[in-house]
PDB file of N, CA and C in Angstrom:
ATOM      1  N   UNK A   1      75.506  91.552  99.841  1.00  0.00           N
ATOM      2  CA  UNK A   1      75.398  92.681  98.986  1.00  0.00           C
ATOM      3  C   UNK A   1      76.053  92.391  97.628  1.00  0.00           C
ATOM      4  N   UNK A   2      75.518  92.926  96.596  1.00  0.00           N
ATOM      5  CA  UNK A   2      76.032  92.761  95.234  1.00  0.00           C
ATOM      6  C   UNK A   2      76.423  94.195  94.822  1.00  0.00           C
ATOM      7  N   UNK A   3      77.733  94.252  94.363  1.00  0.00           N
ATOM      8  CA  UNK A   3      78.282  95.493  93.834  1.00  0.00           C
ATOM      9  C   UNK A   3      78.702  95.186  92.418  1.00  0.00           C
ATOM     10  N   UNK A   4      78.267  95.982  91.484  1.00  0.00           N
ATOM     11  CA  UNK A   4      78.782  95.772  90.096  1.00  0.00           C
ATOM     12  C   UNK A   4      79.676  96.964  89.740  1.00  0.00           C
ATOM     13  N   UNK A   5      80.883  96.624  89.306  1.00  0.00           N
ATOM     14  CA  UNK A   5      81.885  97.601  88.941  1.00  0.00           C
ATOM     15  C   UNK A   5      82.691  97.179  87.747  1.00  0.00           C
ATOM     16  N   UNK A   6      83.329  98.128  87.126  1.00  0.00           N
ATOM     17  CA  UNK A   6      84.284  97.821  86.000  1.00  0.00           C
ATOM     18  C   UNK A   6      85.666  98.039  86.472  1.00  0.00           C
ATOM     19  N   UNK A   7      85.843  98.396  87.773  1.00  0.00           N
ATOM     20  CA  UNK A   7      87.103  98.766  88.292  1.00  0.00           C
ATOM     21  C   UNK A   7      87.703  97.566  89.107  1.00  0.00           C
ATOM     22  N   UNK A   8      88.723  96.906  88.653  1.00  0.00           N
ATOM     23  CA  UNK A   8      89.221  95.688  89.226  1.00  0.00           C
ATOM     24  C   UNK A   8      89.816  95.990  90.573  1.00  0.00           C
ATOM     25  N   UNK A   9      90.457  97.084  90.758  1.00  0.00           N
ATOM     26  CA  UNK A   9      91.084  97.475  92.042  1.00  0.00           C
ATOM     27  C   UNK A   9      89.980  97.720  93.103  1.00  0.00           C
ATOM     28  N   UNK A  10      88.902  98.368  92.697  1.00  0.00           N
ATOM     29  CA  UNK A  10      87.730  98.610  93.580  1.00  0.00           C
ATOM     30  C   UNK A  10      87.180  97.314  94.034  1.00  0.00           C
ATOM     31  N   UNK A  11      86.991  96.327  93.116  1.00  0.00           N
ATOM     32  CA  UNK A  11      86.451  95.063  93.399  1.00  0.00           C
ATOM     33  C   UNK A  11      87.322  94.302  94.412  1.00  0.00           C
ATOM     34  N   UNK A  12      88.658  94.291  94.200  1.00  0.00           N
ATOM     35  CA  UNK A  12      89.557  93.654  95.112  1.00  0.00           C
ATOM     36  C   UNK A  12      89.532  94.369  96.521  1.00  0.00           C
ATOM     37  N   UNK A  13      89.362  95.681  96.555  1.00  0.00           N
ATOM     38  CA  UNK A  13      89.427  96.417  97.757  1.00  0.00           C
ATOM     39  C   UNK A  13      88.225  96.099  98.603  1.00  0.00           C
ATOM     40  N   UNK A  14      87.030  95.898  97.981  1.00  0.00           N
ATOM     41  CA  UNK A  14      85.778  95.812  98.720  1.00  0.00           C
ATOM     42  C   UNK A  14      85.328  94.356  98.855  1.00  0.00           C
ATOM     43  N   UNK A  15      85.437  93.548  97.843  1.00  0.00           N
ATOM     44  CA  UNK A  15      84.756  92.268  97.746  1.00  0.00           C
ATOM     45  C   UNK A  15      85.446  91.163  98.457  1.00  0.00           C
ATOM     46  N   UNK A  16      84.601  90.105  98.823  1.00  0.00           N
ATOM     47  CA  UNK A  16      85.082  88.864  99.311  1.00  0.00           C
ATOM     48  C   UNK A  16      85.150  87.805  98.157  1.00  0.00           C
ATOM     49  N   UNK A  17      84.349  88.089  97.082  1.00  0.00           N
ATOM     50  CA  UNK A  17      84.407  87.190  95.964  1.00  0.00           C
ATOM     51  C   UNK A  17      84.142  88.061  94.739  1.00  0.00           C
ATOM     52  N   UNK A  18      84.871  87.794  93.663  1.00  0.00           N
ATOM     53  CA  UNK A  18      84.744  88.572  92.434  1.00  0.00           C
ATOM     54  C   UNK A  18      84.268  87.553  91.360  1.00  0.00           C
ATOM     55  N   UNK A  19      83.206  87.945  90.662  1.00  0.00           N
ATOM     56  CA  UNK A  19      82.696  87.150  89.582  1.00  0.00           C
ATOM     57  C   UNK A  19      82.859  87.870  88.247  1.00  0.00           C
ATOM     58  N   UNK A  20      83.542  87.226  87.356  1.00  0.00           N
ATOM     59  CA  UNK A  20      83.748  87.797  85.996  1.00  0.00           C
ATOM     60  C   UNK A  20      82.691  87.267  85.084  1.00  0.00           C
ATOM     61  N   UNK A  21      81.960  88.158  84.405  1.00  0.00           N
ATOM     62  CA  UNK A  21      80.917  87.707  83.471  1.00  0.00           C
ATOM     63  C   UNK A  21      81.410  87.738  82.059  1.00  0.00           C
ATOM     64  N   UNK A  22      80.804  86.887  81.231  1.00  0.00           N
ATOM     65  CA  UNK A  22      81.205  86.814  79.844  1.00  0.00           C
ATOM     66  C   UNK A  22      80.429  87.879  79.044  1.00  0.00           C
ATOM     67  N   UNK A  23      80.777  88.003  77.757  1.00  0.00           N
ATOM     68  CA  UNK A  23      79.915  88.822  76.933  1.00  0.00           C
ATOM     69  C   UNK A  23      78.640  88.046  76.635  1.00  0.00           C
ATOM     70  N   UNK A  24      77.732  88.774  75.907  1.00  0.00           N
ATOM     71  CA  UNK A  24      76.392  88.191  75.667  1.00  0.00           C
ATOM     72  C   UNK A  24      76.467  86.874  74.910  1.00  0.00           C
ATOM     73  N   UNK A  25      75.623  85.984  75.170  1.00  0.00           N
ATOM     74  CA  UNK A  25      74.813  85.913  76.343  1.00  0.00           C
ATOM     75  C   UNK A  25      75.597  85.775  77.652  1.00  0.00           C
ATOM     76  N   UNK A  26      75.275  86.544  78.673  1.00  0.00           N
ATOM     77  CA  UNK A  26      76.138  86.605  79.853  1.00  0.00           C
ATOM     78  C   UNK A  26      76.043  85.313  80.637  1.00  0.00           C
ATOM     79  N   UNK A  27      77.229  84.790  80.996  1.00  0.00           N
ATOM     80  CA  UNK A  27      77.344  83.696  81.847  1.00  0.00           C
ATOM     81  C   UNK A  27      78.478  84.009  82.795  1.00  0.00           C
ATOM     82  N   UNK A  28      78.551  83.171  83.856  1.00  0.00           N
ATOM     83  CA  UNK A  28      79.738  83.360  84.761  1.00  0.00           C
ATOM     84  C   UNK A  28      80.922  82.755  84.149  1.00  0.00           C
ATOM     85  N   UNK A  29      81.912  83.590  83.834  1.00  0.00           N
ATOM     86  CA  UNK A  29      83.130  83.215  83.128  1.00  0.00           C
ATOM     87  C   UNK A  29      84.178  82.649  84.171  1.00  0.00           C
ATOM     88  N   UNK A  30      84.274  83.378  85.345  1.00  0.00           N
ATOM     89  CA  UNK A  30      85.263  82.941  86.367  1.00  0.00           C
ATOM     90  C   UNK A  30      84.801  83.557  87.654  1.00  0.00           C
ATOM     91  N   UNK A  31      85.285  82.840  88.743  1.00  0.00           N
ATOM     92  CA  UNK A  31      84.991  83.376  90.110  1.00  0.00           C
ATOM     93  C   UNK A  31      86.370  83.356  90.856  1.00  0.00           C
ATOM     94  N   UNK A  32      86.601  84.456  91.615  1.00  0.00           N
ATOM     95  CA  UNK A  32      87.843  84.616  92.363  1.00  0.00           C
ATOM     96  C   UNK A  32      87.489  84.947  93.727  1.00  0.00           C
ATOM     97  N   UNK A  33      87.960  84.147  94.700  1.00  0.00           N
ATOM     98  CA  UNK A  33      87.814  84.452  96.133  1.00  0.00           C
ATOM     99  C   UNK A  33      88.885  85.407  96.537  1.00  0.00           C
ATOM    100  N   UNK A  34      88.515  86.372  97.365  1.00  0.00           N
ATOM    101  CA  UNK A  34      89.505  87.384  97.825  1.00  0.00           C
ATOM    102  C   UNK A  34      89.754  87.079  99.311  1.00  0.00           C
ATOM    103  N   UNK A  35      90.850  86.429  99.605  1.00  0.00           N
ATOM    104  CA  UNK A  35      91.063  85.932 101.036  1.00  0.00           C
ATOM    105  C   UNK A  35      91.833  86.882 101.936  1.00  0.00           C
ATOM    106  N   UNK A  36      92.008  88.059 101.473  1.00  0.00           N
ATOM    107  CA  UNK A  36      92.800  89.074 102.239  1.00  0.00           C
ATOM    108  C   UNK A  36      92.011  89.781 103.352  1.00  0.00           C
ATOM    109  N   UNK A  37      92.620  89.985 104.463  1.00  0.00           N
ATOM    110  CA  UNK A  37      91.899  90.709 105.564  1.00  0.00           C
ATOM    111  C   UNK A  37      91.791  92.173 105.224  1.00  0.00           C
ATOM    112  N   UNK A  38      90.762  92.775 105.792  1.00  0.00           N
ATOM    113  CA  UNK A  38      90.644  94.276 105.689  1.00  0.00           C
ATOM    114  C   UNK A  38      91.329  94.919 106.783  1.00  0.00           C
ATOM    115  N   UNK A  39      91.918  96.078 106.578  1.00  0.00           N
ATOM    116  CA  UNK A  39      92.001  96.810 105.374  1.00  0.00           C
ATOM    117  C   UNK A  39      93.065  96.177 104.478  1.00  0.00           C
ATOM    118  N   UNK A  40      92.803  96.196 103.149  1.00  0.00           N
ATOM    119  CA  UNK A  40      93.754  95.534 102.183  1.00  0.00           C
ATOM    120  C   UNK A  40      94.683  96.560 101.615  1.00  0.00           C
ATOM    121  N   UNK A  41      95.960  96.040 101.548  1.00  0.00           N
ATOM    122  CA  UNK A  41      97.016  96.896 100.945  1.00  0.00           C
ATOM    123  C   UNK A  41      97.056  96.438  99.456  1.00  0.00           C
ATOM    124  N   UNK A  42      96.530  97.262  98.585  1.00  0.00           N
ATOM    125  CA  UNK A  42      96.441  96.912  97.186  1.00  0.00           C
ATOM    126  C   UNK A  42      97.806  96.822  96.536  1.00  0.00           C
ATOM    127  N   UNK A  43      98.853  97.292  97.058  1.00  0.00           N
ATOM    128  CA  UNK A  43     100.185  97.184  96.483  1.00  0.00           C
ATOM    129  C   UNK A  43     100.894  95.941  96.914  1.00  0.00           C
ATOM    130  N   UNK A  44     100.315  95.080  97.705  1.00  0.00           N
ATOM    131  CA  UNK A  44     100.988  93.918  98.243  1.00  0.00           C
ATOM    132  C   UNK A  44     101.078  92.881  97.032  1.00  0.00           C
ATOM    133  N   UNK A  45     102.097  92.075  97.084  1.00  0.00           N
ATOM    134  CA  UNK A  45     102.311  91.092  96.037  1.00  0.00           C
ATOM    135  C   UNK A  45     101.155  90.074  95.836  1.00  0.00           C
ATOM    136  N   UNK A  46     100.598  89.560  96.916  1.00  0.00           N
ATOM    137  CA  UNK A  46      99.455  88.629  96.674  1.00  0.00           C
ATOM    138  C   UNK A  46      98.259  89.287  96.030  1.00  0.00           C
ATOM    139  N   UNK A  47      98.016  90.576  96.378  1.00  0.00           N
ATOM    140  CA  UNK A  47      96.841  91.290  95.805  1.00  0.00           C
ATOM    141  C   UNK A  47      97.137  91.540  94.327  1.00  0.00           C
ATOM    142  N   UNK A  48      98.437  92.004  94.065  1.00  0.00           N
ATOM    143  CA  UNK A  48      98.763  92.235  92.628  1.00  0.00           C
ATOM    144  C   UNK A  48      98.717  90.952  91.746  1.00  0.00           C
ATOM    145  N   UNK A  49      98.965  89.849  92.367  1.00  0.00           N
ATOM    146  CA  UNK A  49      98.884  88.534  91.613  1.00  0.00           C
ATOM    147  C   UNK A  49      97.389  88.227  91.326  1.00  0.00           C
ATOM    148  N   UNK A  50      96.553  88.514  92.273  1.00  0.00           N
ATOM    149  CA  UNK A  50      95.080  88.385  92.048  1.00  0.00           C
ATOM    150  C   UNK A  50      94.606  89.294  90.989  1.00  0.00           C
ATOM    151  N   UNK A  51      95.008  90.505  91.090  1.00  0.00           N
ATOM    152  CA  UNK A  51      94.704  91.559  90.028  1.00  0.00           C
ATOM    153  C   UNK A  51      95.074  91.125  88.592  1.00  0.00           C
ATOM    154  N   UNK A  52      96.290  90.610  88.543  1.00  0.00           N
ATOM    155  CA  UNK A  52      96.795  90.174  87.206  1.00  0.00           C
ATOM    156  C   UNK A  52      96.028  89.002  86.694  1.00  0.00           C
ATOM    157  N   UNK A  53      95.577  88.099  87.629  1.00  0.00           N
ATOM    158  CA  UNK A  53      94.784  86.909  87.164  1.00  0.00           C
ATOM    159  C   UNK A  53      93.375  87.410  86.702  1.00  0.00           C
ATOM    160  N   UNK A  54      92.823  88.334  87.350  1.00  0.00           N
ATOM    161  CA  UNK A  54      91.433  88.816  86.940  1.00  0.00           C
ATOM    162  C   UNK A  54      91.593  89.523  85.637  1.00  0.00           C
ATOM    163  N   UNK A  55      92.661  90.401  85.503  1.00  0.00           N
ATOM    164  CA  UNK A  55      92.748  91.123  84.178  1.00  0.00           C
ATOM    165  C   UNK A  55      93.073  90.101  83.087  1.00  0.00           C
ATOM    166  N   UNK A  56      93.796  89.086  83.313  1.00  0.00           N
ATOM    167  CA  UNK A  56      94.044  88.059  82.280  1.00  0.00           C
ATOM    168  C   UNK A  56      92.834  87.412  81.902  1.00  0.00           C
ATOM    169  N   UNK A  57      91.919  87.107  82.871  1.00  0.00           N
ATOM    170  CA  UNK A  57      90.629  86.475  82.604  1.00  0.00           C
ATOM    171  C   UNK A  57      89.725  87.399  81.750  1.00  0.00           C
ATOM    172  N   UNK A  58      89.928  88.695  81.936  1.00  0.00           N
ATOM    173  CA  UNK A  58      89.129  89.635  81.163  1.00  0.00           C
ATOM    174  C   UNK A  58      89.741  89.895  79.772  1.00  0.00           C
ATOM    175  N   UNK A  59      90.906  89.308  79.528  1.00  0.00           N
ATOM    176  CA  UNK A  59      91.621  89.487  78.340  1.00  0.00           C
ATOM    177  C   UNK A  59      92.345  90.845  78.233  1.00  0.00           C
ATOM    178  N   UNK A  60      92.688  91.409  79.353  1.00  0.00           N
ATOM    179  CA  UNK A  60      93.343  92.698  79.376  1.00  0.00           C
ATOM    180  C   UNK A  60      94.801  92.481  79.893  1.00  0.00           C
ATOM    181  N   UNK A  61      95.730  93.110  79.162  1.00  0.00           N
ATOM    182  CA  UNK A  61      97.114  93.033  79.709  1.00  0.00           C
ATOM    183  C   UNK A  61      97.170  93.810  81.055  1.00  0.00           C
ATOM    184  N   UNK A  62      97.944  93.348  81.941  1.00  0.00           N
ATOM    185  CA  UNK A  62      98.122  93.982  83.233  1.00  0.00           C
ATOM    186  C   UNK A  62      98.785  95.471  82.920  1.00  0.00           C
ATOM    187  N   UNK A  63      98.260  96.467  83.646  1.00  0.00           N
ATOM    188  CA  UNK A  63      98.733  97.825  83.483  1.00  0.00           C
ATOM    189  C   UNK A  63      99.068  98.367  84.837  1.00  0.00           C
ATOM    190  N   UNK A  64      99.903  99.426  84.882  1.00  0.00           N
ATOM    191  CA  UNK A  64     100.275  99.928  86.134  1.00  0.00           C
ATOM    192  C   UNK A  64      99.158 100.777  86.759  1.00  0.00           C
ATOM    193  N   UNK A  65      99.142 100.841  88.116  1.00  0.00           N
ATOM    194  CA  UNK A  65      98.185 101.703  88.836  1.00  0.00           C
ATOM    195  C   UNK A  65      98.884 102.976  89.202  1.00  0.00           C
TER     196      UNK A  65
END
């Protein structure tokens, strides 16, 4: 299944792999595997580290949830 979202937390909560796309022309900028078992605790340190890495790749400073 392919799910397109702009919500990093939603992507981490649902996905097994997250693909970050570049601006136009669109290419795959980065790929992140999500190795955490379901259900995922989004407040856990490893999940927050992944969230920070994805936001950094997107050029966004980490923000509080």
